[in-house]
């Protein structure tokens, strides 16, 4: 009887996990809602001061600043982040934006790879389906 109860509990836990994961990815995106939640906190702490709390800065991201550098682009799907593959986004977060004409610091030693993916999932959660699907096609996902 104890074995039957244990097996039943394990089956219920497995089913709950399966359906939660399926629910998280019901929109066909690579990330889960849990990643978005973690990413929101990480983004607020590390990125929002330049990119905006909702990844909405900067409207004129193509116009150079007086010092000749580019401002931080919006990451909410209205700028060019969706043109970059996941690997390119990870590289940009790791190495910063200096070699591309920006001032973004490198986060290689600040965030681990999982945290970087959480951050990416957060700002991609603002992308509409058309932008996300274009990005997905570029990534062959």
C-alpha atoms as a PDB file:
ATOM      1  CA  UNK A   1       0.000   0.000   0.000  1.00  0.00           C
ATOM      2  CA  UNK A   2       2.847   2.431   0.875  1.00  0.00           C
ATOM      3  CA  UNK A   3       4.488   1.690  -2.475  1.00  0.00           C
ATOM      4  CA  UNK A   4       1.255   2.394  -4.310  1.00  0.00           C
ATOM      5  CA  UNK A   5       0.874   5.731  -2.516  1.00  0.00           C
ATOM      6  CA  UNK A   6       4.498   6.644  -3.230  1.00  0.00           C
ATOM      7  CA  UNK A   7       4.156   5.735  -6.901  1.00  0.00           C
ATOM      8  CA  UNK A   8       0.910   7.718  -7.115  1.00  0.00           C
ATOM      9  CA  UNK A   9       2.552  10.769  -5.577  1.00  0.00           C
ATOM     10  CA  UNK A  10       5.524  10.509  -7.957  1.00  0.00           C
ATOM     11  CA  UNK A  11       3.202  10.213 -10.941  1.00  0.00           C
ATOM     12  CA  UNK A  12       1.239  13.269  -9.811  1.00  0.00           C
ATOM     13  CA  UNK A  13       4.439  15.285  -9.329  1.00  0.00           C
ATOM     14  CA  UNK A  14       5.677  14.240 -12.786  1.00  0.00           C
ATOM     15  CA  UNK A  15       2.345  15.160 -14.381  1.00  0.00           C
ATOM     16  CA  UNK A  16       2.268  18.507 -12.600  1.00  0.00           C
ATOM     17  CA  UNK A  17       5.794  19.249 -13.819  1.00  0.00           C
ATOM     18  CA  UNK A  18       4.925  18.185 -17.370  1.00  0.00           C
ATOM     19  CA  UNK A  19       1.784  20.305 -17.553  1.00  0.00           C
ATOM     20  CA  UNK A  20       3.484  23.307 -15.927  1.00  0.00           C
ATOM     21  CA  UNK A  21       6.317  23.135 -18.458  1.00  0.00           C
ATOM     22  CA  UNK A  22       3.859  22.715 -21.312  1.00  0.00           C
ATOM     23  CA  UNK A  23       1.872  25.694 -20.019  1.00  0.00           C
ATOM     24  CA  UNK A  24       5.069  27.770 -19.732  1.00  0.00           C
ATOM     25  CA  UNK A  25       5.953  27.055 -23.350  1.00  0.00           C
ATOM     26  CA  UNK A  26       2.463  27.168 -24.806  1.00  0.00           C
ATOM     27  CA  UNK A  27       3.434  30.232 -26.804  1.00  0.00           C
ATOM     28  CA  UNK A  28       6.143  28.280 -28.670  1.00  0.00           C
ATOM     29  CA  UNK A  29       9.013  30.264 -27.246  1.00  0.00           C
ATOM     30  CA  UNK A  30      12.289  28.754 -26.076  1.00  0.00           C
ATOM     31  CA  UNK A  31      11.999  30.055 -22.516  1.00  0.00           C
ATOM     32  CA  UNK A  32       9.667  29.465 -19.614  1.00  0.00           C
ATOM     33  CA  UNK A  33       7.673  31.943 -17.562  1.00  0.00           C
ATOM     34  CA  UNK A  34       9.919  31.104 -14.603  1.00  0.00           C
ATOM     35  CA  UNK A  35      12.919  32.324 -16.615  1.00  0.00           C
ATOM     36  CA  UNK A  36      11.091  35.560 -17.439  1.00  0.00           C
ATOM     37  CA  UNK A  37      10.383  36.149 -13.748  1.00  0.00           C
ATOM     38  CA  UNK A  38      14.043  35.572 -12.813  1.00  0.00           C
ATOM     39  CA  UNK A  39      15.140  37.621 -15.807  1.00  0.00           C
ATOM     40  CA  UNK A  40      12.993  40.573 -14.769  1.00  0.00           C
ATOM     41  CA  UNK A  41      14.821  40.820 -11.433  1.00  0.00           C
ATOM     42  CA  UNK A  42      18.237  40.449 -13.063  1.00  0.00           C
ATOM     43  CA  UNK A  43      17.344  42.961 -15.778  1.00  0.00           C
ATOM     44  CA  UNK A  44      16.154  45.489 -13.187  1.00  0.00           C
ATOM     45  CA  UNK A  45      19.391  45.136 -11.241  1.00  0.00           C
ATOM     46  CA  UNK A  46      21.840  45.087 -14.164  1.00  0.00           C
ATOM     47  CA  UNK A  47      20.279  46.490 -17.331  1.00  0.00           C
ATOM     48  CA  UNK A  48      17.301  48.750 -16.661  1.00  0.00           C
ATOM     49  CA  UNK A  49      19.325  51.841 -15.803  1.00  0.00           C
ATOM     50  CA  UNK A  50      20.415  51.997 -19.455  1.00  0.00           C
ATOM     51  CA  UNK A  51      17.801  49.964 -21.373  1.00  0.00           C
ATOM     52  CA  UNK A  52      14.715  50.951 -19.339  1.00  0.00           C
ATOM     53  CA  UNK A  53      12.752  48.809 -16.906  1.00  0.00           C
ATOM     54  CA  UNK A  54      10.615  47.429 -19.727  1.00  0.00           C
ATOM     55  CA  UNK A  55      13.523  47.284 -22.209  1.00  0.00           C
ATOM     56  CA  UNK A  56      12.065  50.347 -23.942  1.00  0.00           C
ATOM     57  CA  UNK A  57      15.043  52.724 -24.179  1.00  0.00           C
ATOM     58  CA  UNK A  58      16.351  54.357 -26.400  1.00  0.00           C
ATOM     59  CA  UNK A  59      14.020  55.517 -29.152  1.00  0.00           C
ATOM     60  CA  UNK A  60      16.792  57.103 -31.254  1.00  0.00           C
ATOM     61  CA  UNK A  61      19.284  54.289 -30.731  1.00  0.00           C
ATOM     62  CA  UNK A  62      20.876  54.833 -34.168  1.00  0.00           C
ATOM     63  CA  UNK A  63      21.768  58.469 -33.468  1.00  0.00           C
ATOM     64  CA  UNK A  64      25.207  58.873 -31.934  1.00  0.00           C
ATOM     65  CA  UNK A  65      25.602  60.709 -28.669  1.00  0.00           C
ATOM     66  CA  UNK A  66      27.759  63.871 -28.440  1.00  0.00           C
ATOM     67  CA  UNK A  67      30.745  61.715 -27.411  1.00  0.00           C
ATOM     68  CA  UNK A  68      30.425  59.639 -30.614  1.00  0.00           C
ATOM     69  CA  UNK A  69      29.090  56.503 -28.932  1.00  0.00           C
ATOM     70  CA  UNK A  70      25.742  54.891 -29.617  1.00  0.00           C
ATOM     71  CA  UNK A  71      23.055  54.960 -26.906  1.00  0.00           C
ATOM     72  CA  UNK A  72      21.718  51.683 -25.507  1.00  0.00           C
ATOM     73  CA  UNK A  73      19.058  50.362 -27.874  1.00  0.00           C
ATOM     74  CA  UNK A  74      15.597  49.296 -26.889  1.00  0.00           C
ATOM     75  CA  UNK A  75      15.485  45.539 -26.362  1.00  0.00           C
ATOM     76  CA  UNK A  76      11.694  45.261 -26.477  1.00  0.00           C
ATOM     77  CA  UNK A  77      11.554  44.376 -30.179  1.00  0.00           C
ATOM     78  CA  UNK A  78      11.524  47.939 -31.531  1.00  0.00           C
ATOM     79  CA  UNK A  79      15.269  48.156 -32.228  1.00  0.00           C
ATOM     80  CA  UNK A  80      17.722  45.642 -33.660  1.00  0.00           C
ATOM     81  CA  UNK A  81      18.226  43.023 -30.921  1.00  0.00           C
ATOM     82  CA  UNK A  82      15.929  40.609 -32.752  1.00  0.00           C
ATOM     83  CA  UNK A  83      18.411  40.532 -35.653  1.00  0.00           C
ATOM     84  CA  UNK A  84      20.948  38.812 -33.386  1.00  0.00           C
ATOM     85  CA  UNK A  85      21.060  35.095 -32.739  1.00  0.00           C
ATOM     86  CA  UNK A  86      20.989  33.769 -29.202  1.00  0.00           C
ATOM     87  CA  UNK A  87      24.754  33.190 -29.445  1.00  0.00           C
ATOM     88  CA  UNK A  88      25.301  36.801 -30.562  1.00  0.00           C
ATOM     89  CA  UNK A  89      23.137  38.120 -27.723  1.00  0.00           C
ATOM     90  CA  UNK A  90      25.126  36.043 -25.231  1.00  0.00           C
ATOM     91  CA  UNK A  91      28.393  37.351 -26.712  1.00  0.00           C
ATOM     92  CA  UNK A  92      27.197  40.942 -26.486  1.00  0.00           C
ATOM     93  CA  UNK A  93      26.238  40.469 -22.836  1.00  0.00           C
ATOM     94  CA  UNK A  94      29.539  38.726 -22.116  1.00  0.00           C
ATOM     95  CA  UNK A  95      31.804  41.210 -23.894  1.00  0.00           C
ATOM     96  CA  UNK A  96      29.840  44.435 -23.645  1.00  0.00           C
ATOM     97  CA  UNK A  97      29.231  46.947 -26.414  1.00  0.00           C
ATOM     98  CA  UNK A  98      32.472  48.851 -26.634  1.00  0.00           C
ATOM     99  CA  UNK A  99      33.713  47.233 -29.845  1.00  0.00           C
ATOM    100  CA  UNK A 100      30.350  48.062 -31.454  1.00  0.00           C
ATOM    101  CA  UNK A 101      30.488  51.743 -30.590  1.00  0.00           C
ATOM    102  CA  UNK A 102      28.496  51.593 -27.366  1.00  0.00           C
ATOM    103  CA  UNK A 103      29.282  51.826 -23.676  1.00  0.00           C
ATOM    104  CA  UNK A 104      27.660  48.656 -22.358  1.00  0.00           C
ATOM    105  CA  UNK A 105      29.934  46.985 -19.823  1.00  0.00           C
ATOM    106  CA  UNK A 106      30.870  43.327 -20.076  1.00  0.00           C
ATOM    107  CA  UNK A 107      28.866  40.998 -17.832  1.00  0.00           C
ATOM    108  CA  UNK A 108      31.064  37.918 -18.292  1.00  0.00           C
ATOM    109  CA  UNK A 109      32.061  37.841 -14.627  1.00  0.00           C
ATOM    110  CA  UNK A 110      28.850  39.354 -13.278  1.00  0.00           C
ATOM    111  CA  UNK A 111      26.169  36.991 -14.592  1.00  0.00           C
ATOM    112  CA  UNK A 112      26.456  33.273 -15.264  1.00  0.00           C
ATOM    113  CA  UNK A 113      25.138  31.791 -18.530  1.00  0.00           C
ATOM    114  CA  UNK A 114      21.811  30.762 -17.002  1.00  0.00           C
ATOM    115  CA  UNK A 115      21.254  34.289 -15.676  1.00  0.00           C
ATOM    116  CA  UNK A 116      22.117  35.781 -19.068  1.00  0.00           C
ATOM    117  CA  UNK A 117      19.531  33.527 -20.703  1.00  0.00           C
ATOM    118  CA  UNK A 118      17.008  34.622 -18.071  1.00  0.00           C
ATOM    119  CA  UNK A 119      17.712  38.258 -18.959  1.00  0.00           C
ATOM    120  CA  UNK A 120      17.279  37.503 -22.664  1.00  0.00           C
ATOM    121  CA  UNK A 121      14.013  35.685 -21.972  1.00  0.00           C
ATOM    122  CA  UNK A 122      12.778  38.737 -20.062  1.00  0.00           C
ATOM    123  CA  UNK A 123      13.364  41.223 -22.846  1.00  0.00           C
ATOM    124  CA  UNK A 124      12.157  38.771 -25.486  1.00  0.00           C
ATOM    125  CA  UNK A 125       8.904  38.464 -23.555  1.00  0.00           C
ATOM    126  CA  UNK A 126       8.127  41.982 -24.832  1.00  0.00           C
ATOM    127  CA  UNK A 127       8.543  40.907 -28.460  1.00  0.00           C
ATOM    128  CA  UNK A 128       5.317  40.407 -30.369  1.00  0.00           C
ATOM    129  CA  UNK A 129       4.836  37.109 -32.193  1.00  0.00           C
ATOM    130  CA  UNK A 130       5.901  38.528 -35.565  1.00  0.00           C
ATOM    131  CA  UNK A 131       9.235  39.818 -34.208  1.00  0.00           C
ATOM    132  CA  UNK A 132       9.825  36.675 -32.156  1.00  0.00           C
ATOM    133  CA  UNK A 133       9.039  34.388 -35.090  1.00  0.00           C
ATOM    134  CA  UNK A 134      11.441  36.336 -37.330  1.00  0.00           C
ATOM    135  CA  UNK A 135      14.115  35.928 -34.663  1.00  0.00           C
ATOM    136  CA  UNK A 136      13.243  32.240 -34.274  1.00  0.00           C
ATOM    137  CA  UNK A 137      13.627  31.712 -38.031  1.00  0.00           C
ATOM    138  CA  UNK A 138      17.069  33.374 -37.966  1.00  0.00           C
ATOM    139  CA  UNK A 139      18.038  31.010 -35.146  1.00  0.00           C
ATOM    140  CA  UNK A 140      16.577  27.964 -36.905  1.00  0.00           C
ATOM    141  CA  UNK A 141      14.785  27.042 -33.692  1.00  0.00           C
END
